Amino acid sequence: MSSAPPHLFDMQALTRHRNRAAANFAEFSFLKQLGVDRLVERLSLVKRSFTDILDIGCHAGEMVSGLSESTLYHSDMRFTQIEPAQKFADIASQNKAHTVCSGMTPLPVSPAQFDAITSAMFLHWIDDLPGLLTQARLALRPDGFFVANMLGGRSLQELRQVLVAAETELYGGMRPRTLPMADIRDLGGVMQRAGFALPVIDAELITVTYSDLFRLMADLRGMGEQNALTARSRHFTSKALFMKAAEIYRDEFSTADGQITASFELITLTGWSPAPSQPQPLAPGSATRRLADAIDSTEIDPLADEPN
């Protein structure tokens, strides 16, 4: 009997953060917009015309806007957007796409409803990522395309380090203050476990500069990306901790002009809903030509006796 995945994230807290961020999100949406741009690029490389498209974790509807303004758009396109925060959903609905304010467990969709599913900068907040990806795969028609990006494990590595150092120096220990994120090495297996065919996973590391730690934290609040861990401390955090962290950050991760650097790893996942028309691996032993013949080489049997 399989156990339920741990509840790493407090979805009520995440929803509160996103609702607070919604009104001024355009001022802080550079990572979301970058994620959308990358997904539009991936979709443009697929020689396919998509009609029914689902976007998961839509924020203010940036993905639908990006596709509507791209060369991929055609008049028969139909969009559905899902967003857990009501205020974001209200803004997103202004692009006239069908917008659903809902949690993600389960996805409020029907089997084989879409021929493409996207998600920009949201999946790192999902407790049961294999479960959600499985639901997404089932919501695709045969040979439907899934493309998403999310923050990966190298994101905010500098912030993690300085918070641990500051809290250890001041209090002799640490509490969970930054969310755990997936490692790219694990996500290929997650996609296969969810049933996707031909999965591809890749990543890019983006470096952003800030005047200080407090400007970085303000950006995270503006994105709705602050701490929503279930195990987070519910007590007031002293100013001394953040002042010490800011000092360590400046000492360890400064640029020549006195700025600090923050890393964001953007991991992109693509895969297909299985279909008979897709390329299939050959069965073991079914090859009709030897590799040695193909590369014009001599085949050596490692078990054979050496020549005298």
Protein backbone atom coordinates (compact mmCIF):
# COMPACT_ATOMS: atom_id res chain seq x y z
CA MET A 1 0.00 0.00 0.00
CA SER A 2 1.58 3.28 -1.11
CA SER A 3 1.77 6.14 1.38
CA ALA A 4 0.51 9.64 0.64
CA PRO A 5 3.19 12.21 -0.28
CA PRO A 6 4.29 14.49 2.59
CA HIS A 7 2.60 17.86 2.82
CA LEU A 8 5.67 20.03 2.36
CA PHE A 9 3.71 23.14 1.42
CA ASP A 10 0.98 25.03 3.22
CA MET A 11 -1.34 25.72 0.29
CA GLN A 12 -3.46 28.14 2.31
CA ALA A 13 -0.34 30.23 2.99
CA LEU A 14 0.69 29.99 -0.66
CA THR A 15 -2.75 31.17 -1.76
CA ARG A 16 -2.59 34.11 0.68
CA HIS A 17 0.82 35.09 -0.67
CA ARG A 18 -0.39 34.91 -4.27
CA ASN A 19 -3.53 36.92 -3.50
CA ARG A 20 -1.41 39.64 -1.89
CA ALA A 21 0.97 39.66 -4.85
CA ALA A 22 -1.71 39.79 -7.55
CA ALA A 23 -2.42 43.53 -7.65
CA ASN A 24 1.19 44.60 -8.29
CA PHE A 25 2.49 41.41 -9.88
CA ALA A 26 3.38 43.14 -13.17
CA GLU A 27 6.20 44.96 -11.32
CA PHE A 28 7.76 41.67 -10.19
CA SER A 29 6.84 39.22 -12.97
CA PHE A 30 10.17 39.07 -14.81
CA LEU A 31 10.76 35.39 -13.95
CA LYS A 32 7.20 34.45 -14.87
CA GLN A 33 7.54 36.29 -18.18
CA LEU A 34 10.86 34.60 -18.86
CA GLY A 35 9.24 31.24 -18.17
CA VAL A 36 6.39 32.05 -20.56
CA ASP A 37 8.79 33.18 -23.28
CA ARG A 38 10.75 29.94 -22.98
CA LEU A 39 7.59 27.83 -23.27
CA VAL A 40 6.35 29.75 -26.32
CA GLU A 41 9.76 29.11 -27.91
CA ARG A 42 9.45 25.36 -27.22
CA LEU A 43 5.94 25.22 -28.62
CA SER A 44 7.08 27.04 -31.76
CA LEU A 45 9.62 24.26 -32.40
CA VAL A 46 6.86 21.63 -32.53
CA LYS A 47 5.44 21.27 -36.02
CA ARG A 48 1.91 21.04 -34.77
CA SER A 49 -1.13 23.30 -34.60
CA PHE A 50 -2.65 23.19 -31.12
CA THR A 51 -6.32 23.93 -30.50
CA ASP A 52 -7.29 23.09 -26.89
CA ILE A 53 -4.64 24.32 -24.46
CA LEU A 54 -4.57 24.11 -20.65
CA ASP A 55 -2.30 26.34 -18.53
CA ILE A 56 -1.64 25.23 -14.94
CA GLY A 57 -0.84 27.89 -12.33
CA CYS A 58 -1.62 30.78 -14.64
CA HIS A 59 -0.88 33.75 -12.34
CA ALA A 60 -2.35 36.77 -14.20
CA GLY A 61 -2.79 34.94 -17.53
CA GLU A 62 0.67 35.61 -18.95
CA MET A 63 0.85 32.28 -20.81
CA VAL A 64 -2.41 32.83 -22.67
CA SER A 65 -1.34 36.39 -23.50
CA GLY A 66 2.04 35.15 -24.76
CA LEU A 67 0.48 32.52 -27.02
CA SER A 68 -2.21 34.92 -28.25
CA GLU A 69 0.49 37.38 -29.33
CA SER A 70 2.74 34.74 -30.94
CA THR A 71 2.88 33.37 -34.46
CA LEU A 72 1.38 30.14 -33.08
CA TYR A 73 -2.01 31.76 -32.51
CA HIS A 74 -4.98 30.89 -34.71
CA SER A 75 -8.65 31.74 -34.34
CA ASP A 76 -9.69 28.20 -33.35
CA MET A 77 -7.46 28.14 -30.25
CA ARG A 78 -9.33 27.56 -26.99
CA PHE A 79 -7.62 28.25 -23.65
CA THR A 80 -8.33 27.01 -20.13
CA GLN A 81 -6.43 28.44 -17.15
CA ILE A 82 -6.22 27.06 -13.59
CA GLU A 83 -5.06 29.25 -10.69
CA PRO A 84 -5.34 28.60 -6.93
CA ALA A 85 -5.50 32.30 -5.91
CA GLN A 86 -8.80 34.08 -6.55
CA LYS A 87 -7.29 37.53 -7.15
CA PHE A 88 -4.92 36.18 -9.79
CA ALA A 89 -7.80 34.23 -11.35
CA ASP A 90 -9.90 37.42 -11.52
CA ILE A 91 -7.12 39.22 -13.40
CA ALA A 92 -6.41 36.25 -15.66
CA SER A 93 -10.07 35.96 -16.64
CA GLN A 94 -9.85 39.36 -18.33
CA ASN A 95 -8.09 37.72 -21.29
CA LYS A 96 -11.41 35.96 -21.98
CA ALA A 97 -9.95 32.46 -21.54
CA HIS A 98 -11.94 29.95 -19.50
CA THR A 99 -10.48 30.47 -16.02
CA VAL A 100 -10.92 28.12 -13.06
CA CYS A 101 -9.93 29.10 -9.51
CA SER A 102 -9.08 25.77 -7.94
CA GLY A 103 -6.52 23.72 -6.09
CA MET A 104 -4.53 21.19 -8.07
CA THR A 105 -5.55 18.00 -6.25
CA PRO A 106 -7.21 16.77 -8.31
CA LEU A 107 -6.88 18.82 -11.47
CA PRO A 108 -10.37 20.03 -12.43
CA VAL A 109 -10.21 18.65 -15.97
CA SER A 110 -11.57 15.71 -17.97
CA PRO A 111 -9.62 12.86 -19.59
CA ALA A 112 -8.31 13.53 -23.12
CA GLN A 113 -9.60 17.12 -23.03
CA PHE A 114 -6.52 18.94 -24.37
CA ASP A 115 -3.91 18.60 -27.08
CA ALA A 116 -1.37 20.76 -25.21
CA ILE A 117 -0.73 21.55 -21.54
CA THR A 118 1.62 24.26 -20.28
CA SER A 119 2.76 25.51 -16.88
CA ALA A 120 5.17 28.40 -16.30
CA MET A 121 6.87 28.88 -12.95
CA PHE A 122 4.40 26.98 -10.77
CA LEU A 123 5.15 23.26 -10.43
CA HIS A 124 7.83 23.77 -7.74
CA TRP A 125 4.90 24.36 -5.34
CA ILE A 126 3.35 20.93 -5.90
CA ASP A 127 3.67 18.33 -3.10
CA ASP A 128 2.85 15.34 -5.30
CA LEU A 129 4.51 16.23 -8.57
CA PRO A 130 4.33 12.69 -10.04
CA GLY A 131 0.60 12.63 -9.22
CA LEU A 132 -0.08 15.99 -10.86
CA LEU A 133 1.96 15.07 -13.94
CA THR A 134 0.04 11.81 -14.23
CA GLN A 135 -3.24 13.76 -14.14
CA ALA A 136 -1.89 16.13 -16.79
CA ARG A 137 -0.89 13.23 -19.02
CA LEU A 138 -4.37 11.72 -18.68
CA ALA A 139 -5.92 15.08 -19.59
CA LEU A 140 -4.02 15.03 -22.89
CA ARG A 141 -5.30 13.40 -26.04
CA PRO A 142 -3.06 10.73 -27.60
CA ASP A 143 0.12 12.38 -28.92
CA GLY A 144 -0.68 15.54 -26.92
CA PHE A 145 2.22 17.75 -25.84
CA PHE A 146 3.19 18.76 -22.30
CA VAL A 147 5.68 21.57 -21.67
CA ALA A 148 6.38 23.27 -18.36
CA ASN A 149 9.11 25.01 -16.42
CA MET A 150 9.73 25.38 -12.72
CA LEU A 151 12.36 26.54 -10.27
CA GLY A 152 15.06 23.92 -9.69
CA GLY A 153 17.35 22.98 -6.83
CA ARG A 154 20.07 25.54 -7.58
CA SER A 155 17.61 28.42 -7.17
CA LEU A 156 18.44 30.88 -4.38
CA GLN A 157 21.44 28.80 -3.35
CA GLU A 158 23.14 31.95 -2.04
CA LEU A 159 20.14 32.91 0.11
CA ARG A 160 19.91 29.40 1.55
CA GLN A 161 23.58 29.47 2.48
CA VAL A 162 23.55 32.85 4.21
CA LEU A 163 20.36 32.14 6.17
CA VAL A 164 21.82 28.89 7.47
CA ALA A 165 25.08 30.62 8.39
CA ALA A 166 23.36 33.56 10.09
CA GLU A 167 20.92 31.43 12.08
CA THR A 168 23.63 28.99 13.13
CA GLU A 169 25.90 31.81 14.27
CA LEU A 170 23.17 33.61 16.23
CA TYR A 171 21.10 30.72 17.58
CA GLY A 172 23.14 27.56 17.15
CA GLY A 173 20.65 25.96 14.75
CA MET A 174 18.34 26.57 11.83
CA ARG A 175 14.67 26.39 10.83
CA PRO A 176 13.19 25.74 7.36
CA ARG A 177 13.11 29.10 5.57
CA THR A 178 13.44 28.27 1.86
CA LEU A 179 11.43 25.70 -0.08
CA PRO A 180 13.02 22.44 -1.24
CA MET A 181 13.19 22.22 -5.02
CA ALA A 182 13.55 19.36 -7.44
CA ASP A 183 16.90 18.28 -8.82
CA ILE A 184 17.10 17.99 -12.60
CA ARG A 185 18.59 14.49 -12.22
CA ASP A 186 15.34 13.26 -10.65
CA LEU A 187 12.82 14.84 -13.01
CA GLY A 188 13.38 12.54 -15.98
CA GLY A 189 12.33 9.61 -13.81
CA VAL A 190 9.35 11.59 -12.53
CA MET A 191 8.18 12.22 -16.10
CA GLN A 192 8.54 8.55 -17.01
CA ARG A 193 6.73 7.53 -13.82
CA ALA A 194 3.87 9.82 -14.86
CA GLY A 195 3.61 7.94 -18.16
CA PHE A 196 5.00 10.51 -20.60
CA ALA A 197 6.68 9.35 -23.78
CA LEU A 198 9.90 10.87 -25.12
CA PRO A 199 10.57 13.08 -22.04
CA VAL A 200 13.26 15.76 -22.26
CA ILE A 201 14.53 17.74 -19.26
CA ASP A 202 16.97 20.64 -19.38
CA ALA A 203 17.94 23.62 -17.24
CA GLU A 204 19.44 27.07 -17.38
CA LEU A 205 20.88 29.10 -14.51
CA ILE A 206 19.85 32.75 -14.42
CA THR A 207 21.79 35.24 -12.28
CA VAL A 208 20.01 38.38 -11.05
CA THR A 209 21.71 41.23 -9.18
CA TYR A 210 20.21 43.20 -6.31
CA SER A 211 21.33 46.11 -4.18
CA ASP A 212 21.01 44.01 -1.01
CA LEU A 213 19.25 41.06 0.63
CA PHE A 214 16.19 43.15 1.47
CA ARG A 215 15.61 44.07 -2.19
CA LEU A 216 15.77 40.37 -3.08
CA MET A 217 13.26 39.51 -0.36
CA ALA A 218 10.96 42.27 -1.56
CA ASP A 219 11.04 40.76 -5.05
CA LEU A 220 10.18 37.31 -3.68
CA ARG A 221 7.19 38.78 -1.82
CA GLY A 222 6.14 40.63 -4.97
CA MET A 223 6.20 37.33 -6.88
CA GLY A 224 4.24 35.53 -4.14
CA GLU A 225 7.25 33.21 -3.72
CA GLN A 226 8.01 33.71 -0.03
CA ASN A 227 8.15 30.88 2.51
CA ALA A 228 5.01 28.71 2.50
CA LEU A 229 6.52 25.57 3.98
CA THR A 230 4.30 23.60 6.32
CA ALA A 231 7.27 23.27 8.71
CA ARG A 232 8.14 26.98 8.67
CA SER A 233 8.49 28.82 11.95
CA ARG A 234 5.24 30.51 13.02
CA HIS A 235 7.10 32.87 15.37
CA PHE A 236 8.33 36.38 14.67
CA THR A 237 11.79 36.40 13.08
CA SER A 238 14.12 38.90 14.69
CA LYS A 239 15.59 41.74 12.68
CA ALA A 240 19.01 40.65 13.92
CA LEU A 241 18.82 37.46 11.86
CA PHE A 242 18.19 39.29 8.60
CA MET A 243 20.82 41.93 9.37
CA LYS A 244 23.39 39.20 9.98
CA ALA A 245 22.29 37.35 6.81
CA ALA A 246 22.57 40.58 4.80
CA GLU A 247 26.10 41.08 6.13
CA ILE A 248 27.16 37.53 5.20
CA TYR A 249 25.49 37.85 1.79
CA ARG A 250 27.41 41.03 1.05
CA ASP A 251 30.69 39.42 2.15
CA GLU A 252 30.21 36.17 0.22
CA PHE A 253 28.25 37.02 -2.94
CA SER A 254 29.05 40.60 -3.97
CA THR A 255 29.91 41.83 -7.44
CA ALA A 256 32.69 44.32 -8.16
CA ASP A 257 30.21 47.21 -8.00
CA GLY A 258 28.78 46.17 -4.63
CA GLN A 259 25.63 44.39 -5.82
CA ILE A 260 24.70 40.90 -4.59
CA THR A 261 23.87 37.99 -6.88
CA ALA A 262 20.91 35.61 -6.72
CA SER A 263 20.63 32.42 -8.79
CA PHE A 264 17.41 31.07 -10.27
CA GLU A 265 17.49 27.67 -11.98
CA LEU A 266 14.79 27.30 -14.61
CA ILE A 267 14.11 23.62 -15.37
CA THR A 268 12.05 22.83 -18.47
CA LEU A 269 10.16 19.55 -18.89
CA THR A 270 8.65 18.30 -22.14
CA GLY A 271 6.88 15.06 -22.95
CA TRP A 272 4.16 13.48 -25.04
CA SER A 273 1.03 11.56 -24.25
CA PRO A 274 1.69 8.06 -25.63
CA ALA A 275 0.30 7.22 -29.06
CA PRO A 276 0.84 4.33 -31.52
CA SER A 277 2.24 6.72 -34.13
CA GLN A 278 5.22 7.71 -31.99
CA PRO A 279 8.72 6.23 -32.52
CA GLN A 280 9.15 3.04 -30.47
CA PRO A 281 12.40 1.44 -29.26
CA LEU A 282 13.36 -1.79 -30.95
CA ALA A 283 12.88 -5.00 -28.99
CA PRO A 284 16.13 -6.53 -27.68
CA GLY A 285 17.70 -8.85 -30.26
CA SER A 286 15.72 -7.46 -33.19
CA ALA A 287 18.62 -5.67 -34.89
CA THR A 288 19.29 -6.80 -38.46
CA ARG A 289 22.77 -5.30 -38.80
CA ARG A 290 25.83 -5.52 -36.60
CA LEU A 291 27.25 -2.33 -35.04
CA ALA A 292 30.73 -3.38 -36.21
CA ASP A 293 29.50 -3.41 -39.82
CA ALA A 294 27.86 -0.01 -39.43
CA ILE A 295 31.09 1.63 -38.26
CA ASP A 296 33.38 -0.46 -40.49
CA SER A 297 35.18 -2.04 -37.55
CA THR A 298 36.19 -5.52 -36.43
CA GLU A 299 33.98 -7.14 -33.82
CA ILE A 300 35.92 -8.71 -30.94
CA ASP A 301 34.42 -11.31 -28.65
CA PRO A 302 35.72 -10.49 -25.13
CA LEU A 303 35.11 -14.13 -24.05
CA ALA A 304 37.09 -15.66 -26.90
CA ASP A 305 40.58 -17.05 -26.37
CA GLU A 306 43.41 -14.67 -27.19
CA PRO A 307 45.34 -15.57 -30.35
CA ASN A 308 48.54 -17.57 -29.86
